[in-house]
PDB file of all heavy atoms in Angstrom:
ATOM      1  N   THR A   1       0.842  -1.213   0.000  1.00  0.00           N
ATOM      2  CA  THR A   1       0.000   0.000   0.000  1.00  0.00           C
ATOM      3  C   THR A   1       0.866   1.248   0.000  1.00  0.00           C
ATOM      4  O   THR A   1       0.648   2.170  -0.786  1.00  0.00           O
ATOM      5  CB  THR A   1      -0.946  -0.004   1.219  1.00  0.00           C
ATOM      6  OG1 THR A   1      -1.813  -1.139   1.126  1.00  0.00           O
ATOM      7  CG2 THR A   1      -1.765   1.270   1.284  1.00  0.00           C
ATOM      8  N   MET A   2       1.864   1.271   0.885  1.00  0.00           N
ATOM      9  CA  MET A   2       2.749   2.433   0.925  1.00  0.00           C
ATOM     10  C   MET A   2       3.472   2.610  -0.411  1.00  0.00           C
ATOM     11  O   MET A   2       3.573   3.730  -0.922  1.00  0.00           O
ATOM     12  CB  MET A   2       3.761   2.335   2.068  1.00  0.00           C
ATOM     13  CG  MET A   2       4.701   3.542   2.125  1.00  0.00           C
ATOM     14  SD  MET A   2       5.874   3.500   3.484  1.00  0.00           S
ATOM     15  CE  MET A   2       4.855   4.137   4.814  1.00  0.00           C
ATOM     16  N   MET A   3       3.948   1.528  -0.982  1.00  0.00           N
ATOM     17  CA  MET A   3       4.676   1.625  -2.251  1.00  0.00           C
ATOM     18  C   MET A   3       3.785   2.129  -3.384  1.00  0.00           C
ATOM     19  O   MET A   3       4.253   2.850  -4.268  1.00  0.00           O
ATOM     20  CB  MET A   3       5.311   0.271  -2.611  1.00  0.00           C
ATOM     21  CG  MET A   3       6.418  -0.172  -1.664  1.00  0.00           C
ATOM     22  SD  MET A   3       7.725   1.054  -1.375  1.00  0.00           S
ATOM     23  CE  MET A   3       8.444   1.176  -3.007  1.00  0.00           C
ATOM     24  N   GLN A   4       2.509   1.785  -3.364  1.00  0.00           N
ATOM     25  CA  GLN A   4       1.581   2.293  -4.380  1.00  0.00           C
ATOM     26  C   GLN A   4       1.473   3.810  -4.292  1.00  0.00           C
ATOM     27  O   GLN A   4       1.489   4.501  -5.309  1.00  0.00           O
ATOM     28  CB  GLN A   4       0.207   1.640  -4.230  1.00  0.00           C
ATOM     29  CG  GLN A   4       0.193   0.191  -4.654  1.00  0.00           C
ATOM     30  CD  GLN A   4      -1.080  -0.539  -4.257  1.00  0.00           C
ATOM     31  OE1 GLN A   4      -1.855  -0.079  -3.420  1.00  0.00           O
ATOM     32  NE2 GLN A   4      -1.295  -1.704  -4.848  1.00  0.00           N
ATOM     33  N   TYR A   5       1.372   4.333  -3.084  1.00  0.00           N
ATOM     34  CA  TYR A   5       1.325   5.788  -2.906  1.00  0.00           C
ATOM     35  C   TYR A   5       2.641   6.435  -3.320  1.00  0.00           C
ATOM     36  O   TYR A   5       2.653   7.493  -3.952  1.00  0.00           O
ATOM     37  CB  TYR A   5       0.993   6.148  -1.454  1.00  0.00           C
ATOM     38  CG  TYR A   5      -0.467   6.016  -1.117  1.00  0.00           C
ATOM     39  CD1 TYR A   5      -0.942   4.920  -0.420  1.00  0.00           C
ATOM     40  CD2 TYR A   5      -1.381   6.998  -1.487  1.00  0.00           C
ATOM     41  CE1 TYR A   5      -2.287   4.791  -0.101  1.00  0.00           C
ATOM     42  CE2 TYR A   5      -2.728   6.887  -1.172  1.00  0.00           C
ATOM     43  CZ  TYR A   5      -3.169   5.778  -0.476  1.00  0.00           C
ATOM     44  OH  TYR A   5      -4.494   5.667  -0.172  1.00  0.00           O
ATOM     45  N   ILE A   6       3.742   5.822  -2.953  1.00  0.00           N
ATOM     46  CA  ILE A   6       5.057   6.357  -3.304  1.00  0.00           C
ATOM     47  C   ILE A   6       5.213   6.434  -4.820  1.00  0.00           C
ATOM     48  O   ILE A   6       5.717   7.419  -5.356  1.00  0.00           O
ATOM     49  CB  ILE A   6       6.179   5.513  -2.653  1.00  0.00           C
ATOM     50  CG1 ILE A   6       6.206   5.771  -1.139  1.00  0.00           C
ATOM     51  CG2 ILE A   6       7.535   5.803  -3.279  1.00  0.00           C
ATOM     52  CD1 ILE A   6       7.099   4.833  -0.359  1.00  0.00           C
ATOM     53  N   GLN A   7       4.745   5.407  -5.528  1.00  0.00           N
ATOM     54  CA  GLN A   7       4.828   5.411  -6.990  1.00  0.00           C
ATOM     55  C   GLN A   7       3.990   6.523  -7.603  1.00  0.00           C
ATOM     56  O   GLN A   7       4.252   6.957  -8.718  1.00  0.00           O
ATOM     57  CB  GLN A   7       4.413   4.047  -7.545  1.00  0.00           C
ATOM     58  CG  GLN A   7       5.446   2.976  -7.273  1.00  0.00           C
ATOM     59  CD  GLN A   7       4.976   1.583  -7.660  1.00  0.00           C
ATOM     60  OE1 GLN A   7       3.833   1.368  -8.027  1.00  0.00           O
ATOM     61  NE2 GLN A   7       5.889   0.629  -7.576  1.00  0.00           N
ATOM     62  N   GLN A   8       2.997   7.006  -6.868  1.00  0.00           N
ATOM     63  CA  GLN A   8       2.177   8.131  -7.317  1.00  0.00           C
ATOM     64  C   GLN A   8       2.784   9.469  -6.901  1.00  0.00           C
ATOM     65  O   GLN A   8       2.191  10.520  -7.116  1.00  0.00           O
ATOM     66  CB  GLN A   8       0.757   8.027  -6.750  1.00  0.00           C
ATOM     67  CG  GLN A   8      -0.005   6.816  -7.206  1.00  0.00           C
ATOM     68  CD  GLN A   8      -1.312   6.632  -6.436  1.00  0.00           C
ATOM     69  OE1 GLN A   8      -1.809   7.547  -5.792  1.00  0.00           O
ATOM     70  NE2 GLN A   8      -1.857   5.441  -6.497  1.00  0.00           N
ATOM     71  N   GLY A   9       3.946   9.428  -6.273  1.00  0.00           N
ATOM     72  CA  GLY A   9       4.623  10.642  -5.844  1.00  0.00           C
ATOM     73  C   GLY A   9       4.092  11.218  -4.547  1.00  0.00           C
ATOM     74  O   GLY A   9       4.340  12.384  -4.233  1.00  0.00           O
ATOM     75  N   LYS A  10       3.380  10.426  -3.768  1.00  0.00           N
ATOM     76  CA  LYS A  10       2.786  10.906  -2.519  1.00  0.00           C
ATOM     77  C   LYS A  10       3.617  10.474  -1.317  1.00  0.00           C
ATOM     78  O   LYS A  10       4.291   9.449  -1.338  1.00  0.00           O
ATOM     79  CB  LYS A  10       1.367  10.375  -2.381  1.00  0.00           C
ATOM     80  CG  LYS A  10       0.441  10.876  -3.479  1.00  0.00           C
ATOM     81  CD  LYS A  10      -0.944  10.326  -3.315  1.00  0.00           C
ATOM     82  CE  LYS A  10      -1.825  10.867  -4.451  1.00  0.00           C
ATOM     83  NZ  LYS A  10      -3.165  10.294  -4.405  1.00  0.00           N
ATOM     84  N   THR A  11       3.551  11.273  -0.275  1.00  0.00           N
ATOM     85  CA  THR A  11       4.178  10.943   0.997  1.00  0.00           C
ATOM     86  C   THR A  11       3.073  10.540   1.957  1.00  0.00           C
ATOM     87  O   THR A  11       2.149  11.316   2.199  1.00  0.00           O
ATOM     88  CB  THR A  11       4.958  12.144   1.559  1.00  0.00           C
ATOM     89  OG1 THR A  11       5.979  12.492   0.630  1.00  0.00           O
ATOM     90  CG2 THR A  11       5.585  11.815   2.901  1.00  0.00           C
ATOM     91  N   VAL A  12       3.154   9.321   2.473  1.00  0.00           N
ATOM     92  CA  VAL A  12       2.128   8.799   3.371  1.00  0.00           C
ATOM     93  C   VAL A  12       2.788   8.157   4.581  1.00  0.00           C
ATOM     94  O   VAL A  12       3.998   7.906   4.582  1.00  0.00           O
ATOM     95  CB  VAL A  12       1.225   7.775   2.650  1.00  0.00           C
ATOM     96  CG1 VAL A  12       0.466   8.421   1.501  1.00  0.00           C
ATOM     97  CG2 VAL A  12       2.020   6.578   2.159  1.00  0.00           C
ATOM     98  N   ASN A  13       1.978   7.878   5.585  1.00  0.00           N
ATOM     99  CA  ASN A  13       2.492   7.273   6.804  1.00  0.00           C
ATOM    100  C   ASN A  13       1.619   6.108   7.233  1.00  0.00           C
ATOM    101  O   ASN A  13       0.410   6.098   6.991  1.00  0.00           O
ATOM    102  CB  ASN A  13       2.552   8.316   7.924  1.00  0.00           C
ATOM    103  CG  ASN A  13       3.481   9.453   7.563  1.00  0.00           C
ATOM    104  OD1 ASN A  13       4.655   9.234   7.308  1.00  0.00           O
ATOM    105  ND2 ASN A  13       2.958  10.657   7.512  1.00  0.00           N
ATOM    106  N   VAL A  14       2.246   5.141   7.890  1.00  0.00           N
ATOM    107  CA  VAL A  14       1.563   3.988   8.452  1.00  0.00           C
ATOM    108  C   VAL A  14       1.955   3.910   9.923  1.00  0.00           C
ATOM    109  O   VAL A  14       3.127   4.060  10.270  1.00  0.00           O
ATOM    110  CB  VAL A  14       1.968   2.683   7.725  1.00  0.00           C
ATOM    111  CG1 VAL A  14       1.392   1.465   8.435  1.00  0.00           C
ATOM    112  CG2 VAL A  14       1.525   2.722   6.267  1.00  0.00           C
ATOM    113  N   ILE A  15       0.972   3.687  10.767  1.00  0.00           N
ATOM    114  CA  ILE A  15       1.218   3.564  12.197  1.00  0.00           C
ATOM    115  C   ILE A  15       1.025   2.105  12.587  1.00  0.00           C
ATOM    116  O   ILE A  15       0.010   1.494  12.269  1.00  0.00           O
ATOM    117  CB  ILE A  15       0.264   4.465  13.002  1.00  0.00           C
ATOM    118  CG1 ILE A  15       0.510   5.924  12.634  1.00  0.00           C
ATOM    119  CG2 ILE A  15       0.428   4.225  14.499  1.00  0.00           C
ATOM    120  CD1 ILE A  15      -0.459   6.893  13.256  1.00  0.00           C
ATOM    121  N   CYS A  16       2.010   1.563  13.290  1.00  0.00           N
ATOM    122  CA  CYS A  16       1.959   0.186  13.776  1.00  0.00           C
ATOM    123  C   CYS A  16       1.955   0.234  15.301  1.00  0.00           C
ATOM    124  O   CYS A  16       2.879   0.768  15.905  1.00  0.00           O
ATOM    125  CB  CYS A  16       3.160  -0.615  13.275  1.00  0.00           C
ATOM    126  SG  CYS A  16       3.332  -0.636  11.482  1.00  0.00           S
ATOM    127  N   ILE A  17       0.903  -0.324  15.896  1.00  0.00           N
ATOM    128  CA  ILE A  17       0.755  -0.293  17.350  1.00  0.00           C
ATOM    129  C   ILE A  17       0.681  -1.723  17.851  1.00  0.00           C
ATOM    130  O   ILE A  17      -0.065  -2.541  17.329  1.00  0.00           O
ATOM    131  CB  ILE A  17      -0.522   0.467  17.758  1.00  0.00           C
ATOM    132  CG1 ILE A  17      -0.460   1.905  17.227  1.00  0.00           C
ATOM    133  CG2 ILE A  17      -0.703   0.443  19.269  1.00  0.00           C
ATOM    134  CD1 ILE A  17      -1.732   2.687  17.414  1.00  0.00           C
ATOM    135  N   ARG A  18       1.476  -1.984  18.861  1.00  0.00           N
ATOM    136  CA  ARG A  18       1.464  -3.318  19.474  1.00  0.00           C
ATOM    137  C   ARG A  18       1.084  -3.163  20.925  1.00  0.00           C
ATOM    138  O   ARG A  18       1.363  -2.158  21.551  1.00  0.00           O
ATOM    139  CB  ARG A  18       2.845  -3.971  19.361  1.00  0.00           C
ATOM    140  CG  ARG A  18       2.816  -5.433  19.851  1.00  0.00           C
ATOM    141  CD  ARG A  18       4.057  -6.148  19.451  1.00  0.00           C
ATOM    142  NE  ARG A  18       4.318  -7.508  19.748  1.00  0.00           N
ATOM    143  CZ  ARG A  18       3.654  -8.404  20.411  1.00  0.00           C
ATOM    144  NH1 ARG A  18       2.525  -8.124  20.945  1.00  0.00           N
ATOM    145  NH2 ARG A  18       4.083  -9.627  20.583  1.00  0.00           N
ATOM    146  N   GLU A  19       0.448  -4.173  21.444  1.00  0.00           N
ATOM    147  CA  GLU A  19      -0.035  -4.162  22.814  1.00  0.00           C
ATOM    148  C   GLU A  19       1.039  -3.704  23.808  1.00  0.00           C
ATOM    149  O   GLU A  19       0.785  -2.892  24.676  1.00  0.00           O
ATOM    150  CB  GLU A  19      -0.524  -5.567  23.168  1.00  0.00           C
ATOM    151  CG  GLU A  19      -0.930  -5.749  24.591  1.00  0.00           C
ATOM    152  CD  GLU A  19      -1.333  -7.186  24.860  1.00  0.00           C
ATOM    153  OE1 GLU A  19      -0.859  -8.094  24.157  1.00  0.00           O
ATOM    154  OE2 GLU A  19      -2.120  -7.370  25.778  1.00  0.00           O
ATOM    155  N   ASN A  20       2.236  -4.218  23.664  1.00  0.00           N
ATOM    156  CA  ASN A  20       3.299  -3.925  24.616  1.00  0.00           C
ATOM    157  C   ASN A  20       4.517  -3.410  23.856  1.00  0.00           C
ATOM    158  O   ASN A  20       5.050  -4.100  22.997  1.00  0.00           O
ATOM    159  CB  ASN A  20       3.648  -5.191  25.400  1.00  0.00           C
ATOM    160  CG  ASN A  20       4.517  -4.911  26.590  1.00  0.00           C
ATOM    161  OD1 ASN A  20       5.392  -4.054  26.531  1.00  0.00           O
ATOM    162  ND2 ASN A  20       4.291  -5.619  27.671  1.00  0.00           N
ATOM    163  N   GLN A  21       4.961  -2.224  24.190  1.00  0.00           N
ATOM    164  CA  GLN A  21       6.094  -1.599  23.504  1.00  0.00           C
ATOM    165  C   GLN A  21       7.356  -2.443  23.579  1.00  0.00           C
ATOM    166  O   GLN A  21       8.166  -2.447  22.657  1.00  0.00           O
ATOM    167  CB  GLN A  21       6.353  -0.223  24.087  1.00  0.00           C
ATOM    168  CG  GLN A  21       7.460   0.520  23.369  1.00  0.00           C
ATOM    169  CD  GLN A  21       7.584   1.958  23.832  1.00  0.00           C
ATOM    170  OE1 GLN A  21       6.809   2.429  24.637  1.00  0.00           O
ATOM    171  NE2 GLN A  21       8.571   2.646  23.316  1.00  0.00           N
ATOM    172  N   GLN A  22       7.499  -3.203  24.634  1.00  0.00           N
ATOM    173  CA  GLN A  22       8.696  -4.010  24.850  1.00  0.00           C
ATOM    174  C   GLN A  22       8.957  -4.975  23.687  1.00  0.00           C
ATOM    175  O   GLN A  22      10.093  -5.311  23.394  1.00  0.00           O
ATOM    176  CB  GLN A  22       8.544  -4.784  26.154  1.00  0.00           C
ATOM    177  CG  GLN A  22       9.664  -5.737  26.458  1.00  0.00           C
ATOM    178  CD  GLN A  22       9.405  -6.485  27.763  1.00  0.00           C
ATOM    179  OE1 GLN A  22       8.484  -6.192  28.502  1.00  0.00           O
ATOM    180  NE2 GLN A  22      10.232  -7.474  28.032  1.00  0.00           N
ATOM    181  N   TYR A  23       7.899  -5.395  22.991  1.00  0.00           N
ATOM    182  CA  TYR A  23       8.041  -6.397  21.939  1.00  0.00           C
ATOM    183  C   TYR A  23       7.950  -5.822  20.528  1.00  0.00           C
ATOM    184  O   TYR A  23       7.909  -6.581  19.559  1.00  0.00           O
ATOM    185  CB  TYR A  23       6.989  -7.498  22.113  1.00  0.00           C
ATOM    186  CG  TYR A  23       7.068  -8.157  23.469  1.00  0.00           C
ATOM    187  CD1 TYR A  23       6.071  -7.962  24.411  1.00  0.00           C
ATOM    188  CD2 TYR A  23       8.160  -8.940  23.812  1.00  0.00           C
ATOM    189  CE1 TYR A  23       6.150  -8.556  25.663  1.00  0.00           C
ATOM    190  CE2 TYR A  23       8.258  -9.534  25.066  1.00  0.00           C
ATOM    191  CZ  TYR A  23       7.232  -9.332  25.986  1.00  0.00           C
ATOM    192  OH  TYR A  23       7.316  -9.917  27.217  1.00  0.00           O
ATOM    193  N   LEU A  24       7.925  -4.515  20.381  1.00  0.00           N
ATOM    194  CA  LEU A  24       7.785  -3.893  19.064  1.00  0.00           C
ATOM    195  C   LEU A  24       8.859  -4.334  18.080  1.00  0.00           C
ATOM    196  O   LEU A  24       8.565  -4.703  16.953  1.00  0.00           O
ATOM    197  CB  LEU A  24       7.838  -2.359  19.180  1.00  0.00           C
ATOM    198  CG  LEU A  24       6.558  -1.642  19.555  1.00  0.00           C
ATOM    199  CD1 LEU A  24       6.855  -0.169  19.805  1.00  0.00           C
ATOM    200  CD2 LEU A  24       5.502  -1.810  18.500  1.00  0.00           C
ATOM    201  N   ARG A  25      10.097  -4.253  18.508  1.00  0.00           N
ATOM    202  CA  ARG A  25      11.206  -4.541  17.588  1.00  0.00           C
ATOM    203  C   ARG A  25      11.206  -5.996  17.129  1.00  0.00           C
ATOM    204  O   ARG A  25      11.470  -6.290  15.969  1.00  0.00           O
ATOM    205  CB  ARG A  25      12.536  -4.190  18.237  1.00  0.00           C
ATOM    206  CG  ARG A  25      13.694  -4.286  17.264  1.00  0.00           C
ATOM    207  CD  ARG A  25      14.950  -3.737  17.859  1.00  0.00           C
ATOM    208  NE  ARG A  25      16.035  -3.740  16.886  1.00  0.00           N
ATOM    209  CZ  ARG A  25      17.251  -3.350  17.162  1.00  0.00           C
ATOM    210  NH1 ARG A  25      17.546  -2.902  18.357  1.00  0.00           N
ATOM    211  NH2 ARG A  25      18.176  -3.387  16.240  1.00  0.00           N
ATOM    212  N   ASP A  26      10.893  -6.901  18.033  1.00  0.00           N
ATOM    213  CA  ASP A  26      10.909  -8.322  17.700  1.00  0.00           C
ATOM    214  C   ASP A  26       9.654  -8.770  16.955  1.00  0.00           C
ATOM    215  O   ASP A  26       9.589  -9.907  16.500  1.00  0.00           O
ATOM    216  CB  ASP A  26      11.061  -9.171  18.965  1.00  0.00           C
ATOM    217  CG  ASP A  26      12.426  -9.003  19.591  1.00  0.00           C
ATOM    218  OD1 ASP A  26      13.381  -8.659  18.866  1.00  0.00           O
ATOM    219  OD2 ASP A  26      12.546  -9.219  20.812  1.00  0.00           O
ATOM    220  N   SER A  27       8.675  -7.906  16.852  1.00  0.00           N
ATOM    221  CA  SER A  27       7.432  -8.325  16.195  1.00  0.00           C
ATOM    222  C   SER A  27       7.130  -7.444  14.987  1.00  0.00           C
ATOM    223  O   SER A  27       7.629  -7.707  13.895  1.00  0.00           O
ATOM    224  CB  SER A  27       6.275  -8.319  17.199  1.00  0.00           C
ATOM    225  OG  SER A  27       6.081  -7.018  17.722  1.00  0.00           O
ATOM    226  N   VAL A  28       6.323  -6.402  15.154  1.00  0.00           N
ATOM    227  CA  VAL A  28       5.838  -5.646  14.000  1.00  0.00           C
ATOM    228  C   VAL A  28       6.958  -4.935  13.236  1.00  0.00           C
ATOM    229  O   VAL A  28       6.921  -4.859  12.012  1.00  0.00           O
ATOM    230  CB  VAL A  28       4.721  -4.651  14.388  1.00  0.00           C
ATOM    231  CG1 VAL A  28       3.462  -5.399  14.792  1.00  0.00           C
ATOM    232  CG2 VAL A  28       5.151  -3.716  15.501  1.00  0.00           C
ATOM    233  N   TYR A  29       7.948  -4.425  13.933  1.00  0.00           N
ATOM    234  CA  TYR A  29       9.072  -3.753  13.264  1.00  0.00           C
ATOM    235  C   TYR A  29       9.806  -4.734  12.344  1.00  0.00           C
ATOM    236  O   TYR A  29      10.004  -4.473  11.156  1.00  0.00           O
ATOM    237  CB  TYR A  29      10.017  -3.178  14.329  1.00  0.00           C
ATOM    238  CG  TYR A  29      11.188  -2.387  13.801  1.00  0.00           C
ATOM    239  CD1 TYR A  29      11.031  -1.058  13.412  1.00  0.00           C
ATOM    240  CD2 TYR A  29      12.454  -2.953  13.717  1.00  0.00           C
ATOM    241  CE1 TYR A  29      12.108  -0.321  12.951  1.00  0.00           C
ATOM    242  CE2 TYR A  29      13.536  -2.220  13.258  1.00  0.00           C
ATOM    243  CZ  TYR A  29      13.355  -0.905  12.878  1.00  0.00           C
ATOM    244  OH  TYR A  29      14.435  -0.176  12.414  1.00  0.00           O
ATOM    245  N   ASN A  30      10.190  -5.890  12.890  1.00  0.00           N
ATOM    246  CA  ASN A  30      10.880  -6.894  12.080  1.00  0.00           C
ATOM    247  C   ASN A  30       9.974  -7.465  10.996  1.00  0.00           C
ATOM    248  O   ASN A  30      10.444  -7.853   9.928  1.00  0.00           O
ATOM    249  CB  ASN A  30      11.437  -8.013  12.952  1.00  0.00           C
ATOM    250  CG  ASN A  30      12.733  -7.613  13.620  1.00  0.00           C
ATOM    251  OD1 ASN A  30      13.418  -6.695  13.184  1.00  0.00           O
ATOM    252  ND2 ASN A  30      13.069  -8.288  14.700  1.00  0.00           N
ATOM    253  N   GLN A  31       8.677  -7.500  11.257  1.00  0.00           N
ATOM    254  CA  GLN A  31       7.739  -8.015  10.260  1.00  0.00           C
ATOM    255  C   GLN A  31       7.665  -7.079   9.047  1.00  0.00           C
ATOM    256  O   GLN A  31       7.628  -7.535   7.905  1.00  0.00           O
ATOM    257  CB  GLN A  31       6.350  -8.180  10.885  1.00  0.00           C
ATOM    258  CG  GLN A  31       5.406  -8.987  10.056  1.00  0.00           C
ATOM    259  CD  GLN A  31       5.827 -10.438   9.935  1.00  0.00           C
ATOM    260  OE1 GLN A  31       6.015 -11.133  10.925  1.00  0.00           O
ATOM    261  NE2 GLN A  31       5.983 -10.914   8.716  1.00  0.00           N
ATOM    262  N   ILE A  32       7.686  -5.771   9.277  1.00  0.00           N
ATOM    263  CA  ILE A  32       7.697  -4.805   8.169  1.00  0.00           C
ATOM    264  C   ILE A  32       9.010  -4.937   7.395  1.00  0.00           C
ATOM    265  O   ILE A  32       9.014  -4.924   6.160  1.00  0.00           O
ATOM    266  CB  ILE A  32       7.486  -3.361   8.675  1.00  0.00           C
ATOM    267  CG1 ILE A  32       6.080  -3.199   9.281  1.00  0.00           C
ATOM    268  CG2 ILE A  32       7.730  -2.348   7.560  1.00  0.00           C
ATOM    269  CD1 ILE A  32       4.935  -3.323   8.295  1.00  0.00           C
ATOM    270  N   LEU A  33      10.127  -5.089   8.099  1.00  0.00           N
ATOM    271  CA  LEU A  33      11.409  -5.288   7.417  1.00  0.00           C
ATOM    272  C   LEU A  33      11.391  -6.561   6.565  1.00  0.00           C
ATOM    273  O   LEU A  33      11.897  -6.574   5.444  1.00  0.00           O
ATOM    274  CB  LEU A  33      12.554  -5.361   8.439  1.00  0.00           C
ATOM    275  CG  LEU A  33      12.858  -4.084   9.209  1.00  0.00           C
ATOM    276  CD1 LEU A  33      13.942  -4.341  10.255  1.00  0.00           C
ATOM    277  CD2 LEU A  33      13.269  -2.955   8.278  1.00  0.00           C
ATOM    278  N   TRP A  34      10.786  -7.613   7.089  1.00  0.00           N
ATOM    279  CA  TRP A  34      10.660  -8.862   6.345  1.00  0.00           C
ATOM    280  C   TRP A  34       9.860  -8.649   5.052  1.00  0.00           C
ATOM    281  O   TRP A  34      10.262  -9.099   3.983  1.00  0.00           O
ATOM    282  CB  TRP A  34       9.989  -9.924   7.223  1.00  0.00           C
ATOM    283  CG  TRP A  34       9.599 -11.157   6.472  1.00  0.00           C
ATOM    284  CD1 TRP A  34      10.381 -12.237   6.199  1.00  0.00           C
ATOM    285  CD2 TRP A  34       8.337 -11.427   5.866  1.00  0.00           C
ATOM    286  NE1 TRP A  34       9.671 -13.168   5.471  1.00  0.00           N
ATOM    287  CE2 TRP A  34       8.416 -12.691   5.253  1.00  0.00           C
ATOM    288  CE3 TRP A  34       7.128 -10.716   5.785  1.00  0.00           C
ATOM    289  CZ2 TRP A  34       7.347 -13.266   4.567  1.00  0.00           C
ATOM    290  CZ3 TRP A  34       6.066 -11.284   5.110  1.00  0.00           C
ATOM    291  CH2 TRP A  34       6.183 -12.544   4.502  1.00  0.00           C
ATOM    292  N   ALA A  35       8.737  -7.946   5.163  1.00  0.00           N
ATOM    293  CA  ALA A  35       7.901  -7.696   3.981  1.00  0.00           C
ATOM    294  C   ALA A  35       8.653  -6.868   2.944  1.00  0.00           C
ATOM    295  O   ALA A  35       8.559  -7.132   1.738  1.00  0.00           O
ATOM    296  CB  ALA A  35       6.606  -6.988   4.392  1.00  0.00           C
ATOM    297  N   MET A  36       9.414  -5.892   3.395  1.00  0.00           N
ATOM    298  CA  MET A  36      10.212  -5.083   2.469  1.00  0.00           C
ATOM    299  C   MET A  36      11.241  -5.942   1.746  1.00  0.00           C
ATOM    300  O   MET A  36      11.493  -5.756   0.559  1.00  0.00           O
ATOM    301  CB  MET A  36      10.899  -3.938   3.214  1.00  0.00           C
ATOM    302  CG  MET A  36       9.953  -2.884   3.673  1.00  0.00           C
ATOM    303  SD  MET A  36      10.818  -1.625   4.636  1.00  0.00           S
ATOM    304  CE  MET A  36       9.498  -0.459   4.857  1.00  0.00           C
ATOM    305  N   ASP A  37      11.805  -6.884   2.473  1.00  0.00           N
ATOM    306  CA  ASP A  37      12.780  -7.792   1.868  1.00  0.00           C
ATOM    307  C   ASP A  37      12.104  -8.686   0.821  1.00  0.00           C
ATOM    308  O   ASP A  37      12.624  -8.860  -0.287  1.00  0.00           O
ATOM    309  CB  ASP A  37      13.444  -8.630   2.958  1.00  0.00           C
ATOM    310  CG  ASP A  37      14.656  -9.388   2.458  1.00  0.00           C
ATOM    311  OD1 ASP A  37      15.479  -8.778   1.741  1.00  0.00           O
ATOM    312  OD2 ASP A  37      14.772 -10.586   2.781  1.00  0.00           O
ATOM    313  N   ILE A  38      10.958  -9.246   1.151  1.00  0.00           N
ATOM    314  CA  ILE A  38      10.209 -10.101   0.208  1.00  0.00           C
ATOM    315  C   ILE A  38       9.864  -9.312  -1.054  1.00  0.00           C
ATOM    316  O   ILE A  38       9.922  -9.828  -2.166  1.00  0.00           O
ATOM    317  CB  ILE A  38       8.911 -10.636   0.869  1.00  0.00           C
ATOM    318  CG1 ILE A  38       9.239 -11.632   1.968  1.00  0.00           C
ATOM    319  CG2 ILE A  38       7.954 -11.242  -0.167  1.00  0.00           C
ATOM    320  CD1 ILE A  38       9.830 -12.942   1.498  1.00  0.00           C
TER     321      ILE A  38
END
């Protein structure tokens, strides 16, 4: 979704919220990095 907007020349933001901040890096943050890699 973000890449589709970027290809249109738009600047957009996505917010990722996890129940507990302590696990952000090991979960949603790394998951977004994984998707970018794929």
